[in-house]
Every structure is written in structure tokens, then in C-alpha cells.
């Protein structure tokens, strides 16, 4: 398995993806990602996944 595949495999839940995006300081055209409606939807899905 390639190292990139191993890195990708660690994000096996929506919650892990949300946490990585939240802590990574990513931005989109609308500003910081945590204010992006798609990110908010993803975050809610992750909460419901628990």
C-alpha cells in the first residue's frame, strides 16, 4: 500500500475528516472553511454518525 493510501485510510469516519479540516485551517472562496455551508453540513453528518 502506498504511503498516501495509508494516510487516506486513517480518515475512516466523517468525524475524523471534520476534525482534520477544522484543525487544518483550510479556507474556501467564502472564507474560513468552518463558516462554509458544505462544511457545516459535513460536521452535522459527522455528529449524527456517532
PDB file of N, CA and C in Angstrom:
ATOM      1  N   UNK A   1       0.843  -1.177   0.000  1.00  0.00           N
ATOM      2  CA  UNK A   1       0.000   0.000   0.000  1.00  0.00           C
ATOM      3  C   UNK A   1       0.892   1.246   0.000  1.00  0.00           C
ATOM      4  N   UNK A   2       0.565   2.210  -0.849  1.00  0.00           N
ATOM      5  CA  UNK A   2       1.330   3.457  -0.921  1.00  0.00           C
ATOM      6  C   UNK A   2       1.143   4.254   0.364  1.00  0.00           C
ATOM      7  N   UNK A   3       2.119   5.102   0.676  1.00  0.00           N
ATOM      8  CA  UNK A   3       2.010   5.906   1.894  1.00  0.00           C
ATOM      9  C   UNK A   3       0.808   6.838   1.842  1.00  0.00           C
ATOM     10  N   UNK A   4       0.467   7.345   0.650  1.00  0.00           N
ATOM     11  CA  UNK A   4      -0.711   8.217   0.556  1.00  0.00           C
ATOM     12  C   UNK A   4      -1.986   7.437   0.849  1.00  0.00           C
ATOM     13  N   UNK A   5      -2.033   6.178   0.435  1.00  0.00           N
ATOM     14  CA  UNK A   5      -3.204   5.345   0.720  1.00  0.00           C
ATOM     15  C   UNK A   5      -3.319   5.069   2.218  1.00  0.00           C
ATOM     16  N   UNK A   6      -2.190   4.878   2.891  1.00  0.00           N
ATOM     17  CA  UNK A   6      -2.203   4.674   4.338  1.00  0.00           C
ATOM     18  C   UNK A   6      -2.702   5.925   5.043  1.00  0.00           C
ATOM     19  N   UNK A   7      -2.259   7.085   4.559  1.00  0.00           N
ATOM     20  CA  UNK A   7      -2.693   8.346   5.159  1.00  0.00           C
ATOM     21  C   UNK A   7      -4.185   8.539   4.961  1.00  0.00           C
ATOM     22  N   UNK A   8      -4.683   8.228   3.789  1.00  0.00           N
ATOM     23  CA  UNK A   8      -6.105   8.373   3.489  1.00  0.00           C
ATOM     24  C   UNK A   8      -6.927   7.407   4.338  1.00  0.00           C
ATOM     25  N   UNK A   9      -6.429   6.199   4.537  1.00  0.00           N
ATOM     26  CA  UNK A   9      -7.162   5.163   5.263  1.00  0.00           C
ATOM     27  C   UNK A   9      -7.444   5.544   6.721  1.00  0.00           C
ATOM     28  N   UNK A  10      -6.630   6.442   7.293  1.00  0.00           N
ATOM     29  CA  UNK A  10      -6.855   6.812   8.689  1.00  0.00           C
ATOM     30  C   UNK A  10      -8.121   7.651   8.870  1.00  0.00           C
ATOM     31  N   UNK A  11      -8.625   8.232   7.794  1.00  0.00           N
ATOM     32  CA  UNK A  11      -9.850   9.038   7.865  1.00  0.00           C
ATOM     33  C   UNK A  11     -11.039   8.157   7.492  1.00  0.00           C
ATOM     34  N   UNK A  12     -11.381   7.266   8.417  1.00  0.00           N
ATOM     35  CA  UNK A  12     -12.408   6.272   8.138  1.00  0.00           C
ATOM     36  C   UNK A  12     -13.779   6.635   8.697  1.00  0.00           C
ATOM     37  N   UNK A  13     -13.888   7.814   9.296  1.00  0.00           N
ATOM     38  CA  UNK A  13     -15.195   8.293   9.747  1.00  0.00           C
ATOM     39  C   UNK A  13     -15.336   9.760   9.365  1.00  0.00           C
ATOM     40  N   UNK A  14     -16.569  10.215   9.264  1.00  0.00           N
ATOM     41  CA  UNK A  14     -16.806  11.625   8.971  1.00  0.00           C
ATOM     42  C   UNK A  14     -16.227  12.512  10.061  1.00  0.00           C
ATOM     43  N   UNK A  15     -16.316  12.064  11.303  1.00  0.00           N
ATOM     44  CA  UNK A  15     -15.809  12.861  12.417  1.00  0.00           C
ATOM     45  C   UNK A  15     -14.310  13.109  12.281  1.00  0.00           C
ATOM     46  N   UNK A  16     -13.564  12.108  11.871  1.00  0.00           N
ATOM     47  CA  UNK A  16     -12.118  12.282  11.692  1.00  0.00           C
ATOM     48  C   UNK A  16     -11.825  13.270  10.572  1.00  0.00           C
ATOM     49  N   UNK A  17     -12.613  13.231   9.518  1.00  0.00           N
ATOM     50  CA  UNK A  17     -12.438  14.162   8.406  1.00  0.00           C
ATOM     51  C   UNK A  17     -12.751  15.584   8.860  1.00  0.00           C
ATOM     52  N   UNK A  18     -13.854  15.748   9.578  1.00  0.00           N
ATOM     53  CA  UNK A  18     -14.243  17.065  10.082  1.00  0.00           C
ATOM     54  C   UNK A  18     -13.150  17.637  10.982  1.00  0.00           C
ATOM     55  N   UNK A  19     -12.643  16.827  11.904  1.00  0.00           N
ATOM     56  CA  UNK A  19     -11.601  17.296  12.817  1.00  0.00           C
ATOM     57  C   UNK A  19     -10.346  17.717  12.057  1.00  0.00           C
ATOM     58  N   UNK A  20      -9.960  16.949  11.047  1.00  0.00           N
ATOM     59  CA  UNK A  20      -8.768  17.287  10.282  1.00  0.00           C
ATOM     60  C   UNK A  20      -8.979  18.597   9.530  1.00  0.00           C
ATOM     61  N   UNK A  21     -10.143  18.772   8.935  1.00  0.00           N
ATOM     62  CA  UNK A  21     -10.432  20.005   8.212  1.00  0.00           C
ATOM     63  C   UNK A  21     -10.521  21.199   9.162  1.00  0.00           C
ATOM     64  N   UNK A  22     -11.165  21.007  10.307  1.00  0.00           N
ATOM     65  CA  UNK A  22     -11.309  22.095  11.273  1.00  0.00           C
ATOM     66  C   UNK A  22      -9.942  22.543  11.781  1.00  0.00           C
ATOM     67  N   UNK A  23      -9.086  21.602  12.082  1.00  0.00           N
ATOM     68  CA  UNK A  23      -7.777  21.918  12.658  1.00  0.00           C
ATOM     69  C   UNK A  23      -6.737  22.309  11.623  1.00  0.00           C
ATOM     70  N   UNK A  24      -7.030  22.058  10.333  1.00  0.00           N
ATOM     71  CA  UNK A  24      -6.055  22.355   9.285  1.00  0.00           C
ATOM     72  C   UNK A  24      -6.047  23.797   8.821  1.00  0.00           C
ATOM     73  N   UNK A  25      -7.046  24.590   9.244  1.00  0.00           N
ATOM     74  CA  UNK A  25      -7.072  25.998   8.867  1.00  0.00           C
ATOM     75  C   UNK A  25      -7.388  26.226   7.399  1.00  0.00           C
ATOM     76  N   UNK A  26      -8.082  25.275   6.787  1.00  0.00           N
ATOM     77  CA  UNK A  26      -8.397  25.409   5.370  1.00  0.00           C
ATOM     78  C   UNK A  26      -9.376  26.544   5.121  1.00  0.00           C
ATOM     79  N   UNK A  27      -9.257  27.144   3.939  1.00  0.00           N
ATOM     80  CA  UNK A  27     -10.167  28.205   3.538  1.00  0.00           C
ATOM     81  C   UNK A  27     -10.758  27.884   2.185  1.00  0.00           C
ATOM     82  N   UNK A  28     -11.893  28.510   1.895  1.00  0.00           N
ATOM     83  CA  UNK A  28     -12.523  28.373   0.595  1.00  0.00           C
ATOM     84  C   UNK A  28     -12.839  29.775   0.086  1.00  0.00           C
ATOM     85  N   UNK A  29     -13.467  29.891  -1.056  1.00  0.00           N
ATOM     86  CA  UNK A  29     -13.786  31.197  -1.618  1.00  0.00           C
ATOM     87  C   UNK A  29     -14.627  32.049  -0.671  1.00  0.00           C
ATOM     88  N   UNK A  30     -15.426  31.411   0.162  1.00  0.00           N
ATOM     89  CA  UNK A  30     -16.312  32.130   1.069  1.00  0.00           C
ATOM     90  C   UNK A  30     -15.619  32.539   2.373  1.00  0.00           C
ATOM     91  N   UNK A  31     -14.375  32.139   2.553  1.00  0.00           N
ATOM     92  CA  UNK A  31     -13.660  32.459   3.790  1.00  0.00           C
ATOM     93  C   UNK A  31     -13.204  31.192   4.478  1.00  0.00           C
ATOM     94  N   UNK A  32     -13.097  31.276   5.790  1.00  0.00           N
ATOM     95  CA  UNK A  32     -12.624  30.101   6.514  1.00  0.00           C
ATOM     96  C   UNK A  32     -13.634  28.968   6.372  1.00  0.00           C
ATOM     97  N   UNK A  33     -13.122  27.784   6.276  1.00  0.00           N
ATOM     98  CA  UNK A  33     -13.946  26.617   5.965  1.00  0.00           C
ATOM     99  C   UNK A  33     -15.031  26.364   6.991  1.00  0.00           C
ATOM    100  N   UNK A  34     -14.779  26.675   8.257  1.00  0.00           N
ATOM    101  CA  UNK A  34     -15.766  26.370   9.281  1.00  0.00           C
ATOM    102  C   UNK A  34     -17.036  27.192   9.135  1.00  0.00           C
ATOM    103  N   UNK A  35     -17.027  28.217   8.281  1.00  0.00           N
ATOM    104  CA  UNK A  35     -18.239  29.002   8.028  1.00  0.00           C
ATOM    105  C   UNK A  35     -18.884  28.618   6.701  1.00  0.00           C
ATOM    106  N   UNK A  36     -18.299  27.657   6.013  1.00  0.00           N
ATOM    107  CA  UNK A  36     -18.815  27.191   4.732  1.00  0.00           C
ATOM    108  C   UNK A  36     -20.009  26.279   4.968  1.00  0.00           C
ATOM    109  N   UNK A  37     -21.100  26.482   4.221  1.00  0.00           N
ATOM    110  CA  UNK A  37     -22.309  25.686   4.454  1.00  0.00           C
ATOM    111  C   UNK A  37     -22.077  24.200   4.202  1.00  0.00           C
ATOM    112  N   UNK A  38     -21.247  23.854   3.244  1.00  0.00           N
ATOM    113  CA  UNK A  38     -20.958  22.445   2.987  1.00  0.00           C
ATOM    114  C   UNK A  38     -20.195  21.841   4.165  1.00  0.00           C
ATOM    115  N   UNK A  39     -19.280  22.599   4.754  1.00  0.00           N
ATOM    116  CA  UNK A  39     -18.555  22.109   5.915  1.00  0.00           C
ATOM    117  C   UNK A  39     -19.506  21.924   7.095  1.00  0.00           C
ATOM    118  N   UNK A  40     -20.417  22.861   7.283  1.00  0.00           N
ATOM    119  CA  UNK A  40     -21.387  22.758   8.373  1.00  0.00           C
ATOM    120  C   UNK A  40     -22.242  21.504   8.185  1.00  0.00           C
ATOM    121  N   UNK A  41     -22.660  21.235   6.946  1.00  0.00           N
ATOM    122  CA  UNK A  41     -23.442  20.024   6.669  1.00  0.00           C
ATOM    123  C   UNK A  41     -22.626  18.780   6.983  1.00  0.00           C
ATOM    124  N   UNK A  42     -21.354  18.771   6.583  1.00  0.00           N
ATOM    125  CA  UNK A  42     -20.473  17.639   6.867  1.00  0.00           C
ATOM    126  C   UNK A  42     -20.316  17.450   8.367  1.00  0.00           C
ATOM    127  N   UNK A  43     -20.146  18.538   9.071  1.00  0.00           N
ATOM    128  CA  UNK A  43     -19.997  18.481  10.515  1.00  0.00           C
ATOM    129  C   UNK A  43     -21.240  17.895  11.184  1.00  0.00           C
ATOM    130  N   UNK A  44     -22.420  18.289  10.710  1.00  0.00           N
ATOM    131  CA  UNK A  44     -23.673  17.742  11.258  1.00  0.00           C
ATOM    132  C   UNK A  44     -23.807  16.259  10.964  1.00  0.00           C
ATOM    133  N   UNK A  45     -23.418  15.847   9.755  1.00  0.00           N
ATOM    134  CA  UNK A  45     -23.459  14.420   9.410  1.00  0.00           C
ATOM    135  C   UNK A  45     -22.548  13.633  10.330  1.00  0.00           C
ATOM    136  N   UNK A  46     -21.379  14.183  10.607  1.00  0.00           N
ATOM    137  CA  UNK A  46     -20.427  13.511  11.487  1.00  0.00           C
ATOM    138  C   UNK A  46     -21.004  13.365  12.890  1.00  0.00           C
ATOM    139  N   UNK A  47     -21.691  14.400  13.372  1.00  0.00           N
ATOM    140  CA  UNK A  47     -22.313  14.322  14.688  1.00  0.00           C
ATOM    141  C   UNK A  47     -23.379  13.236  14.729  1.00  0.00           C
ATOM    142  N   UNK A  48     -24.142  13.103  13.657  1.00  0.00           N
ATOM    143  CA  UNK A  48     -25.211  12.087  13.592  1.00  0.00           C
ATOM    144  C   UNK A  48     -24.658  10.682  13.422  1.00  0.00           C
ATOM    145  N   UNK A  49     -23.412  10.571  12.982  1.00  0.00           N
ATOM    146  CA  UNK A  49     -22.781   9.275  12.745  1.00  0.00           C
ATOM    147  C   UNK A  49     -22.473   8.570  14.069  1.00  0.00           C
ATOM    148  N   UNK A  50     -22.305   9.327  15.124  1.00  0.00           N
ATOM    149  CA  UNK A  50     -21.908   8.769  16.431  1.00  0.00           C
ATOM    150  C   UNK A  50     -22.933   7.816  16.981  1.00  0.00           C
TER     151      UNK A  50
END
